[in-house]
């Protein structure tokens, strides 16, 4: 690989890492708003389905990016972005604590009560999300590379969906258990949110498979990579 190609690969890596961190931090800050994502009113076990947090909208992007990084840059680079996301999330948590501590002026459009109502649960949400995020992302990367090695770099759709399915189930279960335990979400919402969240994430994983194929094709063509080959450090 030429020096110019290495520089280009590093720039793209930084862009993907930035998108990953922005999606992760945003999902932790906006999670308290819920919406119906399906036009039908369906009830299962006395729980309404298809109610999910808006925090799930950017979150699947993180798994698509880690799959791209795992495929093109390798396991080590993907893990580095996951760790960077942890530091970014806890840094955002520190900023929220400081922001809550300083009093609002009388003319501030957002007073202290409103700020606490919107961001007050964020620290617990970040903590719950980080525990779930750690397990889910590292499992996603590990499962992805297991199938990549097992299939010798073939069947990209298989490792993309299998890794995302398994990690998203663990992520959804973990974060809901913690949020319900902390009292942020009522236990009677657990089953509906779990089923809705898993279905939503699996659908997104299926939808983003063509995007992964397109990204991998573009990378292989740009950097002259063979099937299964990764960009060396």
C-alpha atoms as a PDB file:
ATOM      1  CA  UNK A   1       0.000   0.000   0.000  1.00  0.00           C
ATOM      2  CA  UNK A   2       1.338   3.421  -0.960  1.00  0.00           C
ATOM      3  CA  UNK A   3       1.840   6.272   1.514  1.00  0.00           C
ATOM      4  CA  UNK A   4      -1.115   8.094  -0.016  1.00  0.00           C
ATOM      5  CA  UNK A   5      -3.359   5.060   0.414  1.00  0.00           C
ATOM      6  CA  UNK A   6      -2.265   4.676   4.049  1.00  0.00           C
ATOM      7  CA  UNK A   7      -3.070   8.330   4.699  1.00  0.00           C
ATOM      8  CA  UNK A   8      -6.463   7.920   3.064  1.00  0.00           C
ATOM      9  CA  UNK A   9      -7.184   4.756   5.066  1.00  0.00           C
ATOM     10  CA  UNK A  10      -6.316   6.546   8.314  1.00  0.00           C
ATOM     11  CA  UNK A  11      -8.589   9.488   7.454  1.00  0.00           C
ATOM     12  CA  UNK A  12     -11.516   7.163   6.699  1.00  0.00           C
ATOM     13  CA  UNK A  13     -10.857   5.301   9.938  1.00  0.00           C
ATOM     14  CA  UNK A  14     -11.038   8.562  11.903  1.00  0.00           C
ATOM     15  CA  UNK A  15     -14.294   9.530  10.164  1.00  0.00           C
ATOM     16  CA  UNK A  16     -15.889   6.152  10.954  1.00  0.00           C
ATOM     17  CA  UNK A  17     -14.666   6.367  14.554  1.00  0.00           C
ATOM     18  CA  UNK A  18     -16.169   9.865  14.859  1.00  0.00           C
ATOM     19  CA  UNK A  19     -19.533   8.676  13.523  1.00  0.00           C
ATOM     20  CA  UNK A  20     -19.420   5.730  15.913  1.00  0.00           C
ATOM     21  CA  UNK A  21     -18.747   7.908  18.981  1.00  0.00           C
ATOM     22  CA  UNK A  22     -21.314  10.541  17.973  1.00  0.00           C
ATOM     23  CA  UNK A  23     -24.001   7.864  17.503  1.00  0.00           C
ATOM     24  CA  UNK A  24     -23.181   6.235  20.842  1.00  0.00           C
ATOM     25  CA  UNK A  25     -23.155   9.438  22.908  1.00  0.00           C
ATOM     26  CA  UNK A  26     -26.318  10.762  21.232  1.00  0.00           C
ATOM     27  CA  UNK A  27     -28.234   7.536  21.886  1.00  0.00           C
ATOM     28  CA  UNK A  28     -27.464   7.860  25.620  1.00  0.00           C
ATOM     29  CA  UNK A  29     -28.666  11.475  25.773  1.00  0.00           C
ATOM     30  CA  UNK A  30     -32.000  11.148  23.917  1.00  0.00           C
ATOM     31  CA  UNK A  31     -33.180   7.763  25.238  1.00  0.00           C
ATOM     32  CA  UNK A  32     -36.066   9.104  27.384  1.00  0.00           C
ATOM     33  CA  UNK A  33     -38.334   9.828  24.421  1.00  0.00           C
ATOM     34  CA  UNK A  34     -40.347   6.827  23.177  1.00  0.00           C
ATOM     35  CA  UNK A  35     -42.384   6.416  20.003  1.00  0.00           C
ATOM     36  CA  UNK A  36     -44.349   3.888  17.966  1.00  0.00           C
ATOM     37  CA  UNK A  37     -42.254   2.666  15.039  1.00  0.00           C
ATOM     38  CA  UNK A  38     -44.969   0.501  13.472  1.00  0.00           C
ATOM     39  CA  UNK A  39     -48.422   1.650  12.273  1.00  0.00           C
ATOM     40  CA  UNK A  40     -50.313  -1.282  13.856  1.00  0.00           C
ATOM     41  CA  UNK A  41     -51.507  -1.383  17.462  1.00  0.00           C
ATOM     42  CA  UNK A  42     -50.397  -4.873  18.555  1.00  0.00           C
ATOM     43  CA  UNK A  43     -50.608  -6.214  22.105  1.00  0.00           C
ATOM     44  CA  UNK A  44     -48.793  -9.335  23.343  1.00  0.00           C
ATOM     45  CA  UNK A  45     -49.111 -10.617  26.928  1.00  0.00           C
ATOM     46  CA  UNK A  46     -50.937  -7.382  27.825  1.00  0.00           C
ATOM     47  CA  UNK A  47     -47.961  -5.351  26.621  1.00  0.00           C
ATOM     48  CA  UNK A  48     -48.017  -3.031  23.613  1.00  0.00           C
ATOM     49  CA  UNK A  49     -45.358  -3.872  21.070  1.00  0.00           C
ATOM     50  CA  UNK A  50     -43.366  -1.581  18.809  1.00  0.00           C
ATOM     51  CA  UNK A  51     -42.762   1.111  21.424  1.00  0.00           C
ATOM     52  CA  UNK A  52     -39.073   1.957  21.404  1.00  0.00           C
ATOM     53  CA  UNK A  53     -36.761   4.710  22.558  1.00  0.00           C
ATOM     54  CA  UNK A  54     -35.470   7.248  20.052  1.00  0.00           C
ATOM     55  CA  UNK A  55     -32.072   6.305  21.460  1.00  0.00           C
ATOM     56  CA  UNK A  56     -32.267   3.162  19.341  1.00  0.00           C
ATOM     57  CA  UNK A  57     -32.300   5.185  16.123  1.00  0.00           C
ATOM     58  CA  UNK A  58     -28.571   6.034  16.080  1.00  0.00           C
ATOM     59  CA  UNK A  59     -27.437   2.989  18.078  1.00  0.00           C
ATOM     60  CA  UNK A  60     -27.539   0.376  15.249  1.00  0.00           C
ATOM     61  CA  UNK A  61     -25.130   2.593  13.325  1.00  0.00           C
ATOM     62  CA  UNK A  62     -22.455   1.662  15.865  1.00  0.00           C
ATOM     63  CA  UNK A  63     -22.760  -2.038  15.013  1.00  0.00           C
ATOM     64  CA  UNK A  64     -22.616  -1.368  11.270  1.00  0.00           C
ATOM     65  CA  UNK A  65     -19.446   0.671  11.777  1.00  0.00           C
ATOM     66  CA  UNK A  66     -17.778  -1.979  13.964  1.00  0.00           C
ATOM     67  CA  UNK A  67     -18.586  -4.577  11.291  1.00  0.00           C
ATOM     68  CA  UNK A  68     -16.974  -2.380   8.624  1.00  0.00           C
ATOM     69  CA  UNK A  69     -13.946  -1.798  10.821  1.00  0.00           C
ATOM     70  CA  UNK A  70     -13.691  -5.500  11.677  1.00  0.00           C
ATOM     71  CA  UNK A  71     -13.840  -6.472   8.015  1.00  0.00           C
ATOM     72  CA  UNK A  72     -11.411  -3.874   6.659  1.00  0.00           C
ATOM     73  CA  UNK A  73      -9.191  -2.743   9.545  1.00  0.00           C
ATOM     74  CA  UNK A  74      -9.240  -5.852  11.725  1.00  0.00           C
ATOM     75  CA  UNK A  75     -10.238  -6.833  15.243  1.00  0.00           C
ATOM     76  CA  UNK A  76      -7.672  -4.619  17.002  1.00  0.00           C
ATOM     77  CA  UNK A  77      -8.799  -1.404  15.300  1.00  0.00           C
ATOM     78  CA  UNK A  78     -12.461  -2.209  15.918  1.00  0.00           C
ATOM     79  CA  UNK A  79     -11.792  -2.777  19.621  1.00  0.00           C
ATOM     80  CA  UNK A  80      -9.919   0.531  19.838  1.00  0.00           C
ATOM     81  CA  UNK A  81     -12.991   2.404  18.606  1.00  0.00           C
ATOM     82  CA  UNK A  82     -15.170   0.602  21.145  1.00  0.00           C
ATOM     83  CA  UNK A  83     -12.834   1.670  23.962  1.00  0.00           C
ATOM     84  CA  UNK A  84     -12.784   5.245  22.620  1.00  0.00           C
ATOM     85  CA  UNK A  85     -16.579   5.214  22.760  1.00  0.00           C
ATOM     86  CA  UNK A  86     -16.436   4.301  26.450  1.00  0.00           C
ATOM     87  CA  UNK A  87     -14.197   7.267  27.260  1.00  0.00           C
ATOM     88  CA  UNK A  88     -16.407   9.615  25.195  1.00  0.00           C
ATOM     89  CA  UNK A  89     -19.538   8.436  27.008  1.00  0.00           C
ATOM     90  CA  UNK A  90     -18.072   8.912  30.463  1.00  0.00           C
ATOM     91  CA  UNK A  91     -16.717  12.314  29.453  1.00  0.00           C
ATOM     92  CA  UNK A  92     -20.225  13.334  28.367  1.00  0.00           C
ATOM     93  CA  UNK A  93     -21.438  12.086  31.748  1.00  0.00           C
ATOM     94  CA  UNK A  94     -18.962  14.400  33.500  1.00  0.00           C
ATOM     95  CA  UNK A  95     -20.173  17.362  31.439  1.00  0.00           C
ATOM     96  CA  UNK A  96     -23.788  16.587  32.411  1.00  0.00           C
ATOM     97  CA  UNK A  97     -22.873  16.486  36.122  1.00  0.00           C
ATOM     98  CA  UNK A  98     -21.132  19.866  35.878  1.00  0.00           C
ATOM     99  CA  UNK A  99     -24.048  21.339  33.905  1.00  0.00           C
ATOM    100  CA  UNK A 100     -26.532  20.182  36.559  1.00  0.00           C
ATOM    101  CA  UNK A 101     -24.439  21.702  39.339  1.00  0.00           C
ATOM    102  CA  UNK A 102     -24.353  25.248  37.975  1.00  0.00           C
ATOM    103  CA  UNK A 103     -27.611  27.213  38.512  1.00  0.00           C
ATOM    104  CA  UNK A 104     -29.587  28.564  35.574  1.00  0.00           C
ATOM    105  CA  UNK A 105     -30.060  32.317  35.217  1.00  0.00           C
ATOM    106  CA  UNK A 106     -33.611  33.747  35.589  1.00  0.00           C
ATOM    107  CA  UNK A 107     -33.737  34.496  31.849  1.00  0.00           C
ATOM    108  CA  UNK A 108     -32.442  31.086  30.727  1.00  0.00           C
ATOM    109  CA  UNK A 109     -34.901  29.416  28.334  1.00  0.00           C
ATOM    110  CA  UNK A 110     -34.081  26.084  29.990  1.00  0.00           C
ATOM    111  CA  UNK A 111     -34.443  26.254  33.764  1.00  0.00           C
ATOM    112  CA  UNK A 112     -32.914  23.838  36.264  1.00  0.00           C
ATOM    113  CA  UNK A 113     -36.052  21.703  36.614  1.00  0.00           C
ATOM    114  CA  UNK A 114     -36.407  21.219  32.867  1.00  0.00           C
ATOM    115  CA  UNK A 115     -32.734  20.403  32.497  1.00  0.00           C
ATOM    116  CA  UNK A 116     -32.876  17.810  35.276  1.00  0.00           C
ATOM    117  CA  UNK A 117     -36.061  16.313  33.831  1.00  0.00           C
ATOM    118  CA  UNK A 118     -34.428  15.827  30.432  1.00  0.00           C
ATOM    119  CA  UNK A 119     -30.896  14.902  31.491  1.00  0.00           C
ATOM    120  CA  UNK A 120     -31.374  13.828  35.105  1.00  0.00           C
ATOM    121  CA  UNK A 121     -31.568  10.130  34.273  1.00  0.00           C
ATOM    122  CA  UNK A 122     -28.660  10.328  31.833  1.00  0.00           C
ATOM    123  CA  UNK A 123     -25.965   9.292  34.356  1.00  0.00           C
ATOM    124  CA  UNK A 124     -27.770   6.053  35.220  1.00  0.00           C
ATOM    125  CA  UNK A 125     -28.623   5.548  31.554  1.00  0.00           C
ATOM    126  CA  UNK A 126     -24.984   5.985  30.562  1.00  0.00           C
ATOM    127  CA  UNK A 127     -23.896   3.543  33.263  1.00  0.00           C
ATOM    128  CA  UNK A 128     -26.489   0.962  32.177  1.00  0.00           C
ATOM    129  CA  UNK A 129     -25.712   1.546  28.528  1.00  0.00           C
ATOM    130  CA  UNK A 130     -21.968   1.190  29.081  1.00  0.00           C
ATOM    131  CA  UNK A 131     -22.324  -2.166  30.840  1.00  0.00           C
ATOM    132  CA  UNK A 132     -24.570  -3.448  28.069  1.00  0.00           C
ATOM    133  CA  UNK A 133     -22.472  -1.751  25.395  1.00  0.00           C
ATOM    134  CA  UNK A 134     -19.227  -3.331  26.598  1.00  0.00           C
ATOM    135  CA  UNK A 135     -20.612  -6.851  26.502  1.00  0.00           C
ATOM    136  CA  UNK A 136     -22.537  -6.378  23.253  1.00  0.00           C
ATOM    137  CA  UNK A 137     -19.820  -4.675  21.202  1.00  0.00           C
ATOM    138  CA  UNK A 138     -17.018  -7.019  22.204  1.00  0.00           C
ATOM    139  CA  UNK A 139     -19.296 -10.018  21.559  1.00  0.00           C
ATOM    140  CA  UNK A 140     -20.238  -8.521  18.181  1.00  0.00           C
ATOM    141  CA  UNK A 141     -16.579  -8.178  17.176  1.00  0.00           C
ATOM    142  CA  UNK A 142     -15.639 -11.618  18.522  1.00  0.00           C
ATOM    143  CA  UNK A 143     -18.548 -13.399  16.811  1.00  0.00           C
ATOM    144  CA  UNK A 144     -17.901 -11.472  13.590  1.00  0.00           C
ATOM    145  CA  UNK A 145     -14.287 -12.634  13.439  1.00  0.00           C
ATOM    146  CA  UNK A 146     -15.240 -16.192  14.400  1.00  0.00           C
ATOM    147  CA  UNK A 147     -17.491 -16.460  11.351  1.00  0.00           C
ATOM    148  CA  UNK A 148     -14.982 -14.595   9.188  1.00  0.00           C
ATOM    149  CA  UNK A 149     -12.267 -17.132  10.056  1.00  0.00           C
ATOM    150  CA  UNK A 150     -14.666 -20.081   9.868  1.00  0.00           C
ATOM    151  CA  UNK A 151     -15.900 -19.140   6.373  1.00  0.00           C
ATOM    152  CA  UNK A 152     -12.405 -18.037   5.260  1.00  0.00           C
ATOM    153  CA  UNK A 153     -13.594 -14.532   4.447  1.00  0.00           C
ATOM    154  CA  UNK A 154     -16.673 -15.640   2.479  1.00  0.00           C
ATOM    155  CA  UNK A 155     -20.391 -15.106   3.180  1.00  0.00           C
ATOM    156  CA  UNK A 156     -20.197 -11.540   4.476  1.00  0.00           C
ATOM    157  CA  UNK A 157     -23.957 -11.472   5.115  1.00  0.00           C
ATOM    158  CA  UNK A 158     -23.619 -14.434   7.499  1.00  0.00           C
ATOM    159  CA  UNK A 159     -21.112 -12.892   9.889  1.00  0.00           C
ATOM    160  CA  UNK A 160     -22.760  -9.461   9.678  1.00  0.00           C
ATOM    161  CA  UNK A 161     -26.183 -10.701  10.721  1.00  0.00           C
ATOM    162  CA  UNK A 162     -25.131 -13.466  13.128  1.00  0.00           C
ATOM    163  CA  UNK A 163     -22.802 -11.162  15.050  1.00  0.00           C
ATOM    164  CA  UNK A 164     -25.359  -8.348  15.197  1.00  0.00           C
ATOM    165  CA  UNK A 165     -28.278 -10.597  16.161  1.00  0.00           C
ATOM    166  CA  UNK A 166     -26.438 -12.178  19.089  1.00  0.00           C
ATOM    167  CA  UNK A 167     -24.931  -8.923  20.367  1.00  0.00           C
ATOM    168  CA  UNK A 168     -28.157  -6.932  20.045  1.00  0.00           C
ATOM    169  CA  UNK A 169     -30.160  -9.469  22.046  1.00  0.00           C
ATOM    170  CA  UNK A 170     -27.580  -9.279  24.831  1.00  0.00           C
ATOM    171  CA  UNK A 171     -27.436  -5.489  24.619  1.00  0.00           C
ATOM    172  CA  UNK A 172     -31.217  -5.018  24.748  1.00  0.00           C
ATOM    173  CA  UNK A 173     -31.668  -7.483  27.603  1.00  0.00           C
ATOM    174  CA  UNK A 174     -28.821  -6.011  29.664  1.00  0.00           C
ATOM    175  CA  UNK A 175     -29.757  -2.348  29.339  1.00  0.00           C
ATOM    176  CA  UNK A 176     -33.465  -2.947  30.045  1.00  0.00           C
ATOM    177  CA  UNK A 177     -32.705  -5.050  33.118  1.00  0.00           C
ATOM    178  CA  UNK A 178     -30.501  -2.280  34.477  1.00  0.00           C
ATOM    179  CA  UNK A 179     -32.893   0.574  33.630  1.00  0.00           C
ATOM    180  CA  UNK A 180     -35.823  -1.276  35.202  1.00  0.00           C
ATOM    181  CA  UNK A 181     -33.727  -2.106  38.270  1.00  0.00           C
ATOM    182  CA  UNK A 182     -32.804   1.582  38.643  1.00  0.00           C
ATOM    183  CA  UNK A 183     -36.478   2.552  38.410  1.00  0.00           C
ATOM    184  CA  UNK A 184     -36.019   4.575  35.219  1.00  0.00           C
ATOM    185  CA  UNK A 185     -38.418   2.288  33.323  1.00  0.00           C
ATOM    186  CA  UNK A 186     -41.346   0.413  34.913  1.00  0.00           C
ATOM    187  CA  UNK A 187     -41.073  -3.383  34.982  1.00  0.00           C
ATOM    188  CA  UNK A 188     -44.437  -3.783  33.227  1.00  0.00           C
ATOM    189  CA  UNK A 189     -42.815  -2.204  30.163  1.00  0.00           C
ATOM    190  CA  UNK A 190     -39.903  -4.653  30.124  1.00  0.00           C
ATOM    191  CA  UNK A 191     -41.318  -7.414  27.905  1.00  0.00           C
ATOM    192  CA  UNK A 192     -42.782  -5.102  25.301  1.00  0.00           C
ATOM    193  CA  UNK A 193     -39.650  -2.967  25.074  1.00  0.00           C
ATOM    194  CA  UNK A 194     -37.413  -6.043  24.905  1.00  0.00           C
ATOM    195  CA  UNK A 195     -39.349  -7.706  22.082  1.00  0.00           C
ATOM    196  CA  UNK A 196     -39.785  -4.425  20.209  1.00  0.00           C
ATOM    197  CA  UNK A 197     -36.125  -3.494  20.613  1.00  0.00           C
ATOM    198  CA  UNK A 198     -34.844  -6.872  19.415  1.00  0.00           C
ATOM    199  CA  UNK A 199     -37.179  -6.945  16.406  1.00  0.00           C
ATOM    200  CA  UNK A 200     -36.250  -3.382  15.482  1.00  0.00           C
ATOM    201  CA  UNK A 201     -32.514  -4.033  15.767  1.00  0.00           C
ATOM    202  CA  UNK A 202     -32.722  -7.267  13.760  1.00  0.00           C
ATOM    203  CA  UNK A 203     -34.644  -5.508  11.009  1.00  0.00           C
ATOM    204  CA  UNK A 204     -32.024  -2.765  10.910  1.00  0.00           C
ATOM    205  CA  UNK A 205     -29.281  -5.417  10.756  1.00  0.00           C
ATOM    206  CA  UNK A 206     -30.953  -6.963   7.711  1.00  0.00           C
ATOM    207  CA  UNK A 207     -31.429  -3.559   6.099  1.00  0.00           C
ATOM    208  CA  UNK A 208     -27.823  -2.481   6.651  1.00  0.00           C
ATOM    209  CA  UNK A 209     -26.388  -5.676   5.089  1.00  0.00           C
ATOM    210  CA  UNK A 210     -26.418  -4.148   1.561  1.00  0.00           C
ATOM    211  CA  UNK A 211     -24.714  -1.054   3.009  1.00  0.00           C
ATOM    212  CA  UNK A 212     -21.995  -3.254   4.488  1.00  0.00           C
ATOM    213  CA  UNK A 213     -21.503  -5.022   1.136  1.00  0.00           C
ATOM    214  CA  UNK A 214     -21.277  -1.653  -0.608  1.00  0.00           C
ATOM    215  CA  UNK A 215     -18.770  -0.293   1.920  1.00  0.00           C
ATOM    216  CA  UNK A 216     -16.599  -3.420   1.782  1.00  0.00           C
ATOM    217  CA  UNK A 217     -16.662  -3.410  -2.029  1.00  0.00           C
ATOM    218  CA  UNK A 218     -15.599   0.263  -2.086  1.00  0.00           C
ATOM    219  CA  UNK A 219     -12.776  -0.367   0.391  1.00  0.00           C
ATOM    220  CA  UNK A 220     -11.475  -3.416  -1.486  1.00  0.00           C
ATOM    221  CA  UNK A 221     -11.508  -1.557  -4.761  1.00  0.00           C
ATOM    222  CA  UNK A 222      -9.881   1.588  -3.349  1.00  0.00           C
ATOM    223  CA  UNK A 223      -7.121  -0.210  -1.428  1.00  0.00           C
ATOM    224  CA  UNK A 224      -6.713  -3.277  -3.682  1.00  0.00           C
ATOM    225  CA  UNK A 225      -7.695  -5.746  -0.956  1.00  0.00           C
ATOM    226  CA  UNK A 226      -8.403  -9.417  -1.565  1.00  0.00           C
ATOM    227  CA  UNK A 227     -11.353 -11.209   0.023  1.00  0.00           C
ATOM    228  CA  UNK A 228     -10.715 -11.475   3.770  1.00  0.00           C
ATOM    229  CA  UNK A 229      -7.655  -9.214   3.590  1.00  0.00           C
ATOM    230  CA  UNK A 230      -7.361  -6.362   6.091  1.00  0.00           C
ATOM    231  CA  UNK A 231      -5.505  -3.062   6.008  1.00  0.00           C
ATOM    232  CA  UNK A 232      -2.247  -3.527   7.898  1.00  0.00           C
ATOM    233  CA  UNK A 233      -1.242  -1.105  10.670  1.00  0.00           C
END
